[in-house]
Amino acid sequence: MGKGVLGAAGITKAMVGDIPAVRLEAGGYVAAICPDLGANCFLLERDGASFLRIPPSFDTFRSERNIYGMPLLFPPNRVRDGAYRFQGRDYRLPINEPERGNHIHGFLSGTPFVLADERAAGDACEAIFSYEASAEAPYSSFPHAFRVSLAYSLGPEGLVQRLSVKNLGETDMPLGLGFHTAFNAAFLPGSRAVDYRLRLTVSRQIPLDPERFLPAGDEIADNELLRALRGDGLPPQGAAVSCHLRGVAPGSPAAAPGEARLTHLPSGRALVYRTDPRCLFWTLWNQGGDKGFICPEPQTWTIDAPNSPLPPEESGFAALAPGAETTLVSSLAEIGRA
């Protein structure tokens, strides 16, 4: 995509390889968003660093849409048997993880969005993308009308993402949101993944059933994984990582933004991902530890929250009232550059 120029701000439609994109350039950063695939921001670069995992082709992006960039998950992660009951209504979601009998991640990451608005001024720019589900054009088998807006602002402070969901229907709508954000394990050219460490704001690990990857057993407050994530950091590659984590412990006095920080130790340059305080959970995954990326995935609810025995304040299960709108704000920025 090329190197961003500090102070120059602009928005253009462009091809990234063969991927149709909206390109943002501002504050020394370059970003690219693909409206056709869930308004996914799949590229973020600055001064030689390439922070997000970029798909090699549009065909690969379409077939593996959840392991590149920042794909939107609605609902996030797994729902047991693709089924749950809410306010007297039965919900049946497609079983798109047949080997485990679960629904996983929803379909918004592959749904076309439209570019609804754009603006550029000074050293910052913003592009806003939207999608609307209605009775005439429903979202999968989800029986609600709603509007999703994804706004990306780019400037000297990095990328700010605002996700808004509005309930356009006449009944409460269950709402779980997340992102399958994929970091390049080595974001500097010529560097090695062994020289990076990932730190994460975590309080507990939530054990998962190895058969279906659903919560099973008591939460773990201390182990080697948690100590690494809280302390000197976890190597993003070399060993397989697949775990579910609670960011803020239940009963904490105040929610604060979660943070994932991937640091190149020799240079001190780091990518910092700050997530909305309502993202109470993380899933951390690197597809075996040998593919060159790691996904710190923020989620508003725990895996299989609609079927969880935990109270909503602990599971994160939430509903959006008719006419109500909620907004999650996250950011990605580089720190430590000389």
C-alpha atoms as a PDB file:
ATOM      1  CA  MET A   1       0.000   0.000   0.000  1.00  0.00           C
ATOM      2  CA  GLY A   2       2.931   2.318   0.537  1.00  0.00           C
ATOM      3  CA  LYS A   3       4.126   4.499   3.374  1.00  0.00           C
ATOM      4  CA  GLY A   4       1.752   6.998   4.996  1.00  0.00           C
ATOM      5  CA  VAL A   5       2.747  10.657   4.929  1.00  0.00           C
ATOM      6  CA  LEU A   6       2.353  12.534   8.199  1.00  0.00           C
ATOM      7  CA  GLY A   7      -0.215  15.287   7.845  1.00  0.00           C
ATOM      8  CA  ALA A   8      -1.779  14.038   4.600  1.00  0.00           C
ATOM      9  CA  ALA A   9      -5.374  12.824   4.969  1.00  0.00           C
ATOM     10  CA  GLY A  10      -7.501  11.272   2.276  1.00  0.00           C
ATOM     11  CA  ILE A  11      -9.985   8.548   1.379  1.00  0.00           C
ATOM     12  CA  THR A  12      -9.976   6.706  -1.932  1.00  0.00           C
ATOM     13  CA  LYS A  13     -11.457   3.576  -3.456  1.00  0.00           C
ATOM     14  CA  ALA A  14      -8.601   1.286  -4.418  1.00  0.00           C
ATOM     15  CA  MET A  15      -7.606  -2.303  -5.097  1.00  0.00           C
ATOM     16  CA  VAL A  16      -5.280  -3.984  -2.604  1.00  0.00           C
ATOM     17  CA  GLY A  17      -4.049  -6.742  -4.860  1.00  0.00           C
ATOM     18  CA  ASP A  18      -7.401  -7.975  -6.164  1.00  0.00           C
ATOM     19  CA  ILE A  19      -9.342  -6.937  -3.033  1.00  0.00           C
ATOM     20  CA  PRO A  20     -11.771  -4.016  -3.518  1.00  0.00           C
ATOM     21  CA  ALA A  21     -11.179  -1.595  -0.668  1.00  0.00           C
ATOM     22  CA  VAL A  22     -11.672   1.850   0.757  1.00  0.00           C
ATOM     23  CA  ARG A  23      -8.237   3.255   1.555  1.00  0.00           C
ATOM     24  CA  LEU A  24      -7.675   5.723   4.393  1.00  0.00           C
ATOM     25  CA  GLU A  25      -4.438   7.660   4.774  1.00  0.00           C
ATOM     26  CA  ALA A  26      -3.802  10.043   7.648  1.00  0.00           C
ATOM     27  CA  GLY A  27      -1.369  10.852  10.431  1.00  0.00           C
ATOM     28  CA  GLY A  28       1.362   8.639   8.999  1.00  0.00           C
ATOM     29  CA  TYR A  29      -0.928   5.577   8.912  1.00  0.00           C
ATOM     30  CA  VAL A  30      -2.557   3.747   6.011  1.00  0.00           C
ATOM     31  CA  ALA A  31      -5.651   1.553   6.495  1.00  0.00           C
ATOM     32  CA  ALA A  32      -7.823  -0.420   4.076  1.00  0.00           C
ATOM     33  CA  ILE A  33     -11.381  -1.658   4.593  1.00  0.00           C
ATOM     34  CA  CYS A  34     -13.256  -4.156   2.425  1.00  0.00           C
ATOM     35  CA  PRO A  35     -16.980  -3.218   2.314  1.00  0.00           C
ATOM     36  CA  ASP A  36     -17.895  -6.466   0.522  1.00  0.00           C
ATOM     37  CA  LEU A  37     -16.723  -8.582   3.456  1.00  0.00           C
ATOM     38  CA  GLY A  38     -18.243  -7.076   6.573  1.00  0.00           C
ATOM     39  CA  ALA A  39     -16.439  -3.706   6.341  1.00  0.00           C
ATOM     40  CA  ASN A  40     -13.366  -5.524   7.640  1.00  0.00           C
ATOM     41  CA  CYS A  41     -10.292  -3.345   8.192  1.00  0.00           C
ATOM     42  CA  PHE A  42      -7.743  -5.828   6.892  1.00  0.00           C
ATOM     43  CA  LEU A  43      -4.688  -3.573   6.604  1.00  0.00           C
ATOM     44  CA  LEU A  44      -3.033  -1.101   8.961  1.00  0.00           C
ATOM     45  CA  GLU A  45       0.479   0.139   8.212  1.00  0.00           C
ATOM     46  CA  ARG A  46       2.853   2.766   9.504  1.00  0.00           C
ATOM     47  CA  ASP A  47       6.505   3.510   8.787  1.00  0.00           C
ATOM     48  CA  GLY A  48       7.340   0.045   7.479  1.00  0.00           C
ATOM     49  CA  ALA A  49       5.233  -1.854  10.018  1.00  0.00           C
ATOM     50  CA  SER A  50       2.271  -3.962   8.841  1.00  0.00           C
ATOM     51  CA  PHE A  51       0.165  -4.740  11.896  1.00  0.00           C
ATOM     52  CA  LEU A  52      -2.792  -6.795  10.646  1.00  0.00           C
ATOM     53  CA  ARG A  53      -2.811 -10.083   8.759  1.00  0.00           C
ATOM     54  CA  ILE A  54      -3.503  -9.246   5.100  1.00  0.00           C
ATOM     55  CA  PRO A  55      -5.253 -11.815   2.888  1.00  0.00           C
ATOM     56  CA  PRO A  56      -3.230 -12.902  -0.170  1.00  0.00           C
ATOM     57  CA  SER A  57      -6.264 -12.756  -2.478  1.00  0.00           C
ATOM     58  CA  PHE A  58      -9.964 -11.912  -2.530  1.00  0.00           C
ATOM     59  CA  ASP A  59     -10.866 -15.588  -2.997  1.00  0.00           C
ATOM     60  CA  THR A  60      -8.857 -16.541   0.103  1.00  0.00           C
ATOM     61  CA  PHE A  61     -10.401 -13.644   2.009  1.00  0.00           C
ATOM     62  CA  ARG A  62     -13.921 -14.823   1.139  1.00  0.00           C
ATOM     63  CA  SER A  63     -13.237 -18.456   2.033  1.00  0.00           C
ATOM     64  CA  GLU A  64     -11.290 -17.719   5.250  1.00  0.00           C
ATOM     65  CA  ARG A  65     -12.814 -14.388   6.203  1.00  0.00           C
ATOM     66  CA  ASN A  66     -12.365 -14.760   9.980  1.00  0.00           C
ATOM     67  CA  ILE A  67      -8.565 -15.002  10.061  1.00  0.00           C
ATOM     68  CA  TYR A  68      -7.599 -11.738   8.346  1.00  0.00           C
ATOM     69  CA  GLY A  69      -7.870  -8.168   9.579  1.00  0.00           C
ATOM     70  CA  MET A  70     -10.607  -7.334  12.106  1.00  0.00           C
ATOM     71  CA  PRO A  71     -13.672  -9.440  11.181  1.00  0.00           C
ATOM     72  CA  LEU A  72     -16.903  -8.614  13.033  1.00  0.00           C
ATOM     73  CA  LEU A  73     -18.500 -11.498  14.958  1.00  0.00           C
ATOM     74  CA  PHE A  74     -22.256 -11.495  15.616  1.00  0.00           C
ATOM     75  CA  PRO A  75     -22.658 -13.523  17.759  1.00  0.00           C
ATOM     76  CA  PRO A  76     -19.058 -14.035  18.908  1.00  0.00           C
ATOM     77  CA  ASN A  77     -17.660 -17.551  19.181  1.00  0.00           C
ATOM     78  CA  ARG A  78     -19.825 -20.630  19.746  1.00  0.00           C
ATOM     79  CA  VAL A  79     -23.469 -21.369  20.587  1.00  0.00           C
ATOM     80  CA  ARG A  80     -24.146 -24.949  21.663  1.00  0.00           C
ATOM     81  CA  ASP A  81     -26.266 -26.778  19.058  1.00  0.00           C
ATOM     82  CA  GLY A  82     -26.941 -23.358  17.504  1.00  0.00           C
ATOM     83  CA  ALA A  83     -29.947 -23.075  19.804  1.00  0.00           C
ATOM     84  CA  TYR A  84     -31.167 -21.142  22.820  1.00  0.00           C
ATOM     85  CA  ARG A  85     -34.336 -19.720  24.321  1.00  0.00           C
ATOM     86  CA  PHE A  86     -34.808 -16.031  25.134  1.00  0.00           C
ATOM     87  CA  GLN A  87     -37.942 -14.307  26.474  1.00  0.00           C
ATOM     88  CA  GLY A  88     -40.121 -17.236  25.469  1.00  0.00           C
ATOM     89  CA  ARG A  89     -38.752 -17.412  21.917  1.00  0.00           C
ATOM     90  CA  ASP A  90     -36.659 -20.229  20.459  1.00  0.00           C
ATOM     91  CA  TYR A  91     -33.594 -19.204  18.444  1.00  0.00           C
ATOM     92  CA  ARG A  92     -32.136 -21.605  15.871  1.00  0.00           C
ATOM     93  CA  LEU A  93     -28.850 -20.619  14.282  1.00  0.00           C
ATOM     94  CA  PRO A  94     -27.179 -22.588  11.471  1.00  0.00           C
ATOM     95  CA  ILE A  95     -24.732 -25.307  12.537  1.00  0.00           C
ATOM     96  CA  ASN A  96     -21.687 -23.995  10.706  1.00  0.00           C
ATOM     97  CA  GLU A  97     -19.204 -25.923  12.860  1.00  0.00           C
ATOM     98  CA  PRO A  98     -20.601 -29.411  12.146  1.00  0.00           C
ATOM     99  CA  GLU A  99     -17.610 -31.278  13.572  1.00  0.00           C
ATOM    100  CA  ARG A 100     -18.529 -29.920  17.022  1.00  0.00           C
ATOM    101  CA  GLY A 101     -22.254 -29.352  16.544  1.00  0.00           C
ATOM    102  CA  ASN A 102     -22.059 -25.609  17.176  1.00  0.00           C
ATOM    103  CA  HIS A 103     -22.942 -22.326  15.558  1.00  0.00           C
ATOM    104  CA  ILE A 104     -19.843 -20.157  15.404  1.00  0.00           C
ATOM    105  CA  HIS A 105     -19.157 -16.443  14.771  1.00  0.00           C
ATOM    106  CA  GLY A 106     -22.270 -15.535  12.781  1.00  0.00           C
ATOM    107  CA  PHE A 107     -22.110 -14.233   9.206  1.00  0.00           C
ATOM    108  CA  LEU A 108     -21.566 -10.472   9.410  1.00  0.00           C
ATOM    109  CA  SER A 109     -17.885 -10.906   8.522  1.00  0.00           C
ATOM    110  CA  GLY A 110     -18.991 -12.057   5.065  1.00  0.00           C
ATOM    111  CA  THR A 111     -21.957  -9.697   4.623  1.00  0.00           C
ATOM    112  CA  PRO A 112     -21.676  -6.715   2.237  1.00  0.00           C
ATOM    113  CA  PHE A 113     -21.789  -3.258   3.844  1.00  0.00           C
ATOM    114  CA  VAL A 114     -22.234   0.054   2.064  1.00  0.00           C
ATOM    115  CA  LEU A 115     -20.043   3.122   2.410  1.00  0.00           C
ATOM    116  CA  ALA A 116     -22.550   5.476   4.050  1.00  0.00           C
ATOM    117  CA  ASP A 117     -20.374   8.522   4.681  1.00  0.00           C
ATOM    118  CA  GLU A 118     -16.801   9.752   4.471  1.00  0.00           C
ATOM    119  CA  ARG A 119     -14.904  12.849   5.483  1.00  0.00           C
ATOM    120  CA  ALA A 120     -11.319  14.058   5.552  1.00  0.00           C
ATOM    121  CA  ALA A 121      -9.964  17.230   7.138  1.00  0.00           C
ATOM    122  CA  GLY A 122      -6.522  18.259   8.270  1.00  0.00           C
ATOM    123  CA  ASP A 123      -4.571  15.247   9.459  1.00  0.00           C
ATOM    124  CA  ALA A 124      -7.556  12.915  10.060  1.00  0.00           C
ATOM    125  CA  CYS A 125     -10.213  11.110   8.059  1.00  0.00           C
ATOM    126  CA  GLU A 126     -13.215   8.870   8.711  1.00  0.00           C
ATOM    127  CA  ALA A 127     -15.231   6.345   6.704  1.00  0.00           C
ATOM    128  CA  ILE A 128     -18.583   4.960   7.906  1.00  0.00           C
ATOM    129  CA  PHE A 129     -20.025   1.668   6.659  1.00  0.00           C
ATOM    130  CA  SER A 130     -23.506   0.287   7.325  1.00  0.00           C
ATOM    131  CA  TYR A 131     -25.659  -2.808   7.004  1.00  0.00           C
ATOM    132  CA  GLU A 132     -29.365  -3.221   7.763  1.00  0.00           C
ATOM    133  CA  ALA A 133     -31.360  -6.390   8.368  1.00  0.00           C
ATOM    134  CA  SER A 134     -35.132  -6.317   7.901  1.00  0.00           C
ATOM    135  CA  ALA A 135     -38.076  -8.692   7.572  1.00  0.00           C
ATOM    136  CA  GLU A 136     -37.694  -8.455   3.807  1.00  0.00           C
ATOM    137  CA  ALA A 137     -33.909  -8.962   3.895  1.00  0.00           C
ATOM    138  CA  PRO A 138     -33.198 -10.882   7.133  1.00  0.00           C
ATOM    139  CA  TYR A 139     -29.841 -11.641   8.708  1.00  0.00           C
ATOM    140  CA  SER A 140     -29.557 -15.425   8.465  1.00  0.00           C
ATOM    141  CA  SER A 141     -32.189 -17.026  10.726  1.00  0.00           C
ATOM    142  CA  PHE A 142     -31.985 -14.242  13.323  1.00  0.00           C
ATOM    143  CA  PRO A 143     -35.565 -12.927  13.741  1.00  0.00           C
ATOM    144  CA  HIS A 144     -34.811  -9.234  14.334  1.00  0.00           C
ATOM    145  CA  ALA A 145     -34.549  -6.045  12.315  1.00  0.00           C
ATOM    146  CA  PHE A 146     -31.420  -4.045  13.162  1.00  0.00           C
ATOM    147  CA  ARG A 147     -28.802  -1.685  11.758  1.00  0.00           C
ATOM    148  CA  VAL A 148     -25.039  -2.026  12.126  1.00  0.00           C
ATOM    149  CA  SER A 149     -22.628   0.847  11.592  1.00  0.00           C
ATOM    150  CA  LEU A 150     -18.851   0.498  11.487  1.00  0.00           C
ATOM    151  CA  ALA A 151     -16.961   3.801  11.552  1.00  0.00           C
ATOM    152  CA  TYR A 152     -13.190   3.965  11.147  1.00  0.00           C
ATOM    153  CA  SER A 153     -11.289   7.154  12.026  1.00  0.00           C
ATOM    154  CA  LEU A 154      -7.601   7.455  11.176  1.00  0.00           C
ATOM    155  CA  GLY A 155      -5.162  10.104  12.356  1.00  0.00           C
ATOM    156  CA  PRO A 156      -1.878  10.675  14.225  1.00  0.00           C
ATOM    157  CA  GLU A 157      -3.230   8.731  17.230  1.00  0.00           C
ATOM    158  CA  GLY A 158      -3.909   5.658  15.093  1.00  0.00           C
ATOM    159  CA  LEU A 159      -7.127   3.885  14.127  1.00  0.00           C
ATOM    160  CA  VAL A 160     -10.340   4.314  16.117  1.00  0.00           C
ATOM    161  CA  GLN A 161     -13.199   1.912  15.397  1.00  0.00           C
ATOM    162  CA  ARG A 162     -16.791   2.603  16.443  1.00  0.00           C
ATOM    163  CA  LEU A 163     -19.270  -0.242  16.167  1.00  0.00           C
ATOM    164  CA  SER A 164     -22.928   0.732  16.637  1.00  0.00           C
ATOM    165  CA  VAL A 165     -25.957  -1.568  16.621  1.00  0.00           C
ATOM    166  CA  LYS A 166     -29.553  -0.285  16.683  1.00  0.00           C
ATOM    167  CA  ASN A 167     -32.596  -2.467  17.296  1.00  0.00           C
ATOM    168  CA  LEU A 168     -35.161  -1.561  14.626  1.00  0.00           C
ATOM    169  CA  GLY A 169     -37.719  -4.134  15.785  1.00  0.00           C
ATOM    170  CA  GLU A 170     -40.465  -4.251  18.403  1.00  0.00           C
ATOM    171  CA  THR A 171     -38.982  -6.841  20.781  1.00  0.00           C
ATOM    172  CA  ASP A 172     -35.793  -7.104  22.832  1.00  0.00           C
ATOM    173  CA  MET A 173     -32.876  -8.387  20.748  1.00  0.00           C
ATOM    174  CA  PRO A 174     -30.146 -10.600  22.260  1.00  0.00           C
ATOM    175  CA  LEU A 175     -26.819  -8.976  21.518  1.00  0.00           C
ATOM    176  CA  GLY A 176     -23.322 -10.413  21.649  1.00  0.00           C
ATOM    177  CA  LEU A 177     -20.479  -8.785  19.694  1.00  0.00           C
ATOM    178  CA  GLY A 178     -16.822  -9.440  19.082  1.00  0.00           C
ATOM    179  CA  PHE A 179     -13.914  -9.200  16.661  1.00  0.00           C
ATOM    180  CA  HIS A 180     -11.593 -11.960  15.439  1.00  0.00           C
ATOM    181  CA  THR A 181      -8.704  -9.478  15.187  1.00  0.00           C
ATOM    182  CA  ALA A 182      -5.580 -11.032  13.621  1.00  0.00           C
ATOM    183  CA  PHE A 183      -2.181  -9.466  14.379  1.00  0.00           C
ATOM    184  CA  ASN A 184       0.871 -10.245  12.315  1.00  0.00           C
ATOM    185  CA  ALA A 185       3.088 -12.078  14.802  1.00  0.00           C
ATOM    186  CA  ALA A 186       6.075 -10.185  13.386  1.00  0.00           C
ATOM    187  CA  PHE A 187       4.857  -6.795  12.164  1.00  0.00           C
ATOM    188  CA  LEU A 188       8.257  -5.281  11.263  1.00  0.00           C
ATOM    189  CA  PRO A 189       9.934  -6.277   7.981  1.00  0.00           C
ATOM    190  CA  GLY A 190      12.784  -8.716   8.444  1.00  0.00           C
ATOM    191  CA  SER A 191      11.964  -9.365  12.101  1.00  0.00           C
ATOM    192  CA  ARG A 192      11.312 -12.733  13.758  1.00  0.00           C
ATOM    193  CA  ALA A 193       8.248 -13.777  15.742  1.00  0.00           C
ATOM    194  CA  VAL A 194      10.550 -15.094  18.493  1.00  0.00           C
ATOM    195  CA  ASP A 195      11.466 -11.465  19.263  1.00  0.00           C
ATOM    196  CA  TYR A 196       7.862 -10.445  20.061  1.00  0.00           C
ATOM    197  CA  ARG A 197       5.737 -10.774  23.185  1.00  0.00           C
ATOM    198  CA  LEU A 198       1.990 -10.365  23.691  1.00  0.00           C
ATOM    199  CA  ARG A 199       0.567  -8.966  26.910  1.00  0.00           C
ATOM    200  CA  LEU A 200      -3.156  -9.018  27.672  1.00  0.00           C
ATOM    201  CA  THR A 201      -5.387  -7.632  30.440  1.00  0.00           C
ATOM    202  CA  VAL A 202      -6.793 -10.836  31.918  1.00  0.00           C
ATOM    203  CA  SER A 203      -8.130 -11.941  35.291  1.00  0.00           C
ATOM    204  CA  ARG A 204      -9.044 -15.620  34.760  1.00  0.00           C
ATOM    205  CA  GLN A 205      -8.955 -18.448  32.264  1.00  0.00           C
ATOM    206  CA  ILE A 206     -12.256 -20.135  31.394  1.00  0.00           C
ATOM    207  CA  PRO A 207     -11.638 -23.875  30.790  1.00  0.00           C
ATOM    208  CA  LEU A 208     -13.131 -25.319  27.609  1.00  0.00           C
ATOM    209  CA  ASP A 209     -14.387 -28.806  26.857  1.00  0.00           C
ATOM    210  CA  PRO A 210     -11.816 -30.258  24.420  1.00  0.00           C
ATOM    211  CA  GLU A 211     -14.579 -31.992  22.447  1.00  0.00           C
ATOM    212  CA  ARG A 212     -16.799 -28.980  21.683  1.00  0.00           C
ATOM    213  CA  PHE A 213     -14.750 -25.978  22.863  1.00  0.00           C
ATOM    214  CA  LEU A 214     -17.543 -24.852  25.204  1.00  0.00           C
ATOM    215  CA  PRO A 215     -17.053 -23.640  28.813  1.00  0.00           C
ATOM    216  CA  ALA A 216     -16.547 -26.476  31.282  1.00  0.00           C
ATOM    217  CA  GLY A 217     -15.412 -26.327  34.899  1.00  0.00           C
ATOM    218  CA  ASP A 218     -14.413 -23.616  37.325  1.00  0.00           C
ATOM    219  CA  GLU A 219     -12.520 -20.551  36.185  1.00  0.00           C
ATOM    220  CA  ILE A 220      -8.769 -20.503  36.846  1.00  0.00           C
ATOM    221  CA  ALA A 221      -7.316 -17.473  38.634  1.00  0.00           C
ATOM    222  CA  ASP A 222      -3.623 -18.304  38.283  1.00  0.00           C
ATOM    223  CA  ASN A 223      -1.498 -20.458  35.995  1.00  0.00           C
ATOM    224  CA  GLU A 224       1.560 -20.173  33.767  1.00  0.00           C
ATOM    225  CA  LEU A 225      -0.424 -18.765  30.838  1.00  0.00           C
ATOM    226  CA  LEU A 226      -2.052 -16.022  32.909  1.00  0.00           C
ATOM    227  CA  ARG A 227       1.253 -15.070  34.527  1.00  0.00           C
ATOM    228  CA  ALA A 228       2.896 -14.721  31.110  1.00  0.00           C
ATOM    229  CA  LEU A 229       0.059 -12.601  29.688  1.00  0.00           C
ATOM    230  CA  ARG A 230       0.064 -10.327  32.748  1.00  0.00           C
ATOM    231  CA  GLY A 231       3.835 -10.179  33.040  1.00  0.00           C
ATOM    232  CA  ASP A 232       6.639 -10.328  30.477  1.00  0.00           C
ATOM    233  CA  GLY A 233       4.318 -11.501  27.712  1.00  0.00           C
ATOM    234  CA  LEU A 234       3.568 -14.627  25.684  1.00  0.00           C
ATOM    235  CA  PRO A 235       5.455 -15.524  22.485  1.00  0.00           C
ATOM    236  CA  PRO A 236       2.898 -15.203  19.672  1.00  0.00           C
ATOM    237  CA  GLN A 237       4.304 -18.198  17.783  1.00  0.00           C
ATOM    238  CA  GLY A 238       6.134 -21.448  18.466  1.00  0.00           C
ATOM    239  CA  ALA A 239       3.433 -23.164  20.504  1.00  0.00           C
ATOM    240  CA  ALA A 240      -0.282 -23.569  19.846  1.00  0.00           C
ATOM    241  CA  VAL A 241      -2.521 -21.173  21.790  1.00  0.00           C
ATOM    242  CA  SER A 242      -6.297 -21.636  21.985  1.00  0.00           C
ATOM    243  CA  CYS A 243      -7.968 -20.364  25.137  1.00  0.00           C
ATOM    244  CA  HIS A 244     -10.864 -18.328  26.506  1.00  0.00           C
ATOM    245  CA  LEU A 245     -10.162 -15.617  29.070  1.00  0.00           C
ATOM    246  CA  ARG A 246     -12.044 -13.233  31.306  1.00  0.00           C
ATOM    247  CA  GLY A 247     -10.711  -9.708  31.106  1.00  0.00           C
ATOM    248  CA  VAL A 248     -12.264  -8.109  34.177  1.00  0.00           C
ATOM    249  CA  ALA A 249     -13.071 -10.183  37.255  1.00  0.00           C
ATOM    250  CA  PRO A 250     -16.741 -10.223  38.339  1.00  0.00           C
ATOM    251  CA  GLY A 251     -17.367  -7.677  41.067  1.00  0.00           C
ATOM    252  CA  SER A 252     -14.588  -5.331  39.953  1.00  0.00           C
ATOM    253  CA  PRO A 253     -15.517  -1.780  40.995  1.00  0.00           C
ATOM    254  CA  ALA A 254     -15.277  -0.240  37.518  1.00  0.00           C
ATOM    255  CA  ALA A 255     -14.876  -1.514  34.019  1.00  0.00           C
ATOM    256  CA  ALA A 256     -11.872  -0.274  32.076  1.00  0.00           C
ATOM    257  CA  PRO A 257     -10.783  -0.760  28.482  1.00  0.00           C
ATOM    258  CA  GLY A 258      -9.094  -4.071  27.802  1.00  0.00           C
ATOM    259  CA  GLU A 259      -5.671  -4.010  26.215  1.00  0.00           C
ATOM    260  CA  ALA A 260      -3.645  -6.321  24.016  1.00  0.00           C
ATOM    261  CA  ARG A 261      -0.049  -5.203  23.466  1.00  0.00           C
ATOM    262  CA  LEU A 262       2.301  -6.891  20.992  1.00  0.00           C
ATOM    263  CA  THR A 263       5.873  -5.650  21.425  1.00  0.00           C
ATOM    264  CA  HIS A 264       8.992  -6.111  19.316  1.00  0.00           C
ATOM    265  CA  LEU A 265      11.526  -6.464  22.100  1.00  0.00           C
ATOM    266  CA  PRO A 266      14.697  -5.323  20.273  1.00  0.00           C
ATOM    267  CA  SER A 267      13.189  -2.017  19.098  1.00  0.00           C
ATOM    268  CA  GLY A 268      10.499  -1.422  21.716  1.00  0.00           C
ATOM    269  CA  ARG A 269       7.939  -0.737  18.995  1.00  0.00           C
ATOM    270  CA  ALA A 270       4.519  -2.037  20.007  1.00  0.00           C
ATOM    271  CA  LEU A 271       1.010  -2.362  18.665  1.00  0.00           C
ATOM    272  CA  VAL A 272      -1.568  -1.466  21.319  1.00  0.00           C
ATOM    273  CA  TYR A 273      -5.185  -2.622  20.923  1.00  0.00           C
ATOM    274  CA  ARG A 274      -7.561  -0.994  23.407  1.00  0.00           C
ATOM    275  CA  THR A 275     -11.061  -2.426  23.494  1.00  0.00           C
ATOM    276  CA  ASP A 276     -14.384  -1.155  24.801  1.00  0.00           C
ATOM    277  CA  PRO A 277     -15.018  -1.788  28.538  1.00  0.00           C
ATOM    278  CA  ARG A 278     -18.052  -3.887  27.577  1.00  0.00           C
ATOM    279  CA  CYS A 279     -15.738  -6.426  25.951  1.00  0.00           C
ATOM    280  CA  LEU A 280     -15.418  -8.500  29.109  1.00  0.00           C
ATOM    281  CA  PHE A 281     -13.778 -11.534  27.485  1.00  0.00           C
ATOM    282  CA  TRP A 282     -10.953 -12.535  25.174  1.00  0.00           C
ATOM    283  CA  THR A 283     -10.397 -15.592  23.048  1.00  0.00           C
ATOM    284  CA  LEU A 284      -6.713 -16.022  22.201  1.00  0.00           C
ATOM    285  CA  TRP A 285      -5.830 -18.211  19.207  1.00  0.00           C
ATOM    286  CA  ASN A 286      -2.938 -18.679  16.795  1.00  0.00           C
ATOM    287  CA  GLN A 287      -4.018 -21.662  14.651  1.00  0.00           C
ATOM    288  CA  GLY A 288      -1.294 -24.002  15.837  1.00  0.00           C
ATOM    289  CA  GLY A 289       1.399 -21.396  16.410  1.00  0.00           C
ATOM    290  CA  ASP A 290       3.099 -21.723  13.031  1.00  0.00           C
ATOM    291  CA  LYS A 291       0.991 -19.568  10.685  1.00  0.00           C
ATOM    292  CA  GLY A 292       2.548 -16.171  11.427  1.00  0.00           C
ATOM    293  CA  PHE A 293      -0.341 -14.572  13.297  1.00  0.00           C
ATOM    294  CA  ILE A 294      -2.124 -14.406  16.627  1.00  0.00           C
ATOM    295  CA  CYS A 295      -5.727 -13.373  17.321  1.00  0.00           C
ATOM    296  CA  PRO A 296      -6.609 -11.523  20.535  1.00  0.00           C
ATOM    297  CA  GLU A 297     -10.391 -11.613  20.070  1.00  0.00           C
ATOM    298  CA  PRO A 298     -12.440  -9.233  22.264  1.00  0.00           C
ATOM    299  CA  GLN A 299     -15.998 -10.378  23.071  1.00  0.00           C
ATOM    300  CA  THR A 300     -18.887  -8.807  24.973  1.00  0.00           C
ATOM    301  CA  TRP A 301     -20.123 -12.191  26.166  1.00  0.00           C
ATOM    302  CA  THR A 302     -18.567 -15.514  27.055  1.00  0.00           C
ATOM    303  CA  ILE A 303     -18.679 -18.512  24.750  1.00  0.00           C
ATOM    304  CA  ASP A 304     -22.255 -19.905  24.648  1.00  0.00           C
ATOM    305  CA  ALA A 305     -23.502 -17.058  26.832  1.00  0.00           C
ATOM    306  CA  PRO A 306     -27.200 -17.548  25.867  1.00  0.00           C
ATOM    307  CA  ASN A 307     -27.050 -21.017  27.455  1.00  0.00           C
ATOM    308  CA  SER A 308     -24.744 -20.104  30.339  1.00  0.00           C
ATOM    309  CA  PRO A 309     -25.844 -20.834  33.923  1.00  0.00           C
ATOM    310  CA  LEU A 310     -24.017 -17.676  35.024  1.00  0.00           C
ATOM    311  CA  PRO A 311     -25.969 -14.475  35.736  1.00  0.00           C
ATOM    312  CA  PRO A 312     -25.834 -11.891  32.924  1.00  0.00           C
ATOM    313  CA  GLU A 313     -23.389  -9.650  34.794  1.00  0.00           C
ATOM    314  CA  GLU A 314     -20.902 -12.567  34.743  1.00  0.00           C
ATOM    315  CA  SER A 315     -21.690 -14.131  31.356  1.00  0.00           C
ATOM    316  CA  GLY A 316     -21.993 -10.823  29.525  1.00  0.00           C
ATOM    317  CA  PHE A 317     -25.360 -11.850  28.085  1.00  0.00           C
ATOM    318  CA  ALA A 318     -27.271  -8.715  27.093  1.00  0.00           C
ATOM    319  CA  ALA A 319     -30.350  -7.584  25.194  1.00  0.00           C
ATOM    320  CA  LEU A 320     -31.018  -4.423  23.217  1.00  0.00           C
ATOM    321  CA  ALA A 321     -34.452  -2.855  23.720  1.00  0.00           C
ATOM    322  CA  PRO A 322     -36.631  -1.781  20.770  1.00  0.00           C
ATOM    323  CA  GLY A 323     -35.313   1.493  19.337  1.00  0.00           C
ATOM    324  CA  ALA A 324     -32.170   1.366  21.491  1.00  0.00           C
ATOM    325  CA  GLU A 325     -28.643   1.680  20.154  1.00  0.00           C
ATOM    326  CA  THR A 326     -25.314   0.650  21.631  1.00  0.00           C
ATOM    327  CA  THR A 327     -21.787   1.641  20.567  1.00  0.00           C
ATOM    328  CA  LEU A 328     -18.446  -0.053  21.213  1.00  0.00           C
ATOM    329  CA  VAL A 329     -15.252   1.948  20.736  1.00  0.00           C
ATOM    330  CA  SER A 330     -11.836   0.360  20.198  1.00  0.00           C
ATOM    331  CA  SER A 331      -8.490   1.598  18.926  1.00  0.00           C
ATOM    332  CA  LEU A 332      -5.249   0.378  17.381  1.00  0.00           C
ATOM    333  CA  ALA A 333      -2.073   2.420  17.561  1.00  0.00           C
ATOM    334  CA  GLU A 334       1.682   2.053  17.533  1.00  0.00           C
ATOM    335  CA  ILE A 335       3.758   3.227  20.472  1.00  0.00           C
ATOM    336  CA  GLY A 336       7.467   3.237  21.165  1.00  0.00           C
ATOM    337  CA  ARG A 337       8.680   4.328  17.732  1.00  0.00           C
ATOM    338  CA  ALA A 338      11.861   6.366  17.902  1.00  0.00           C
END
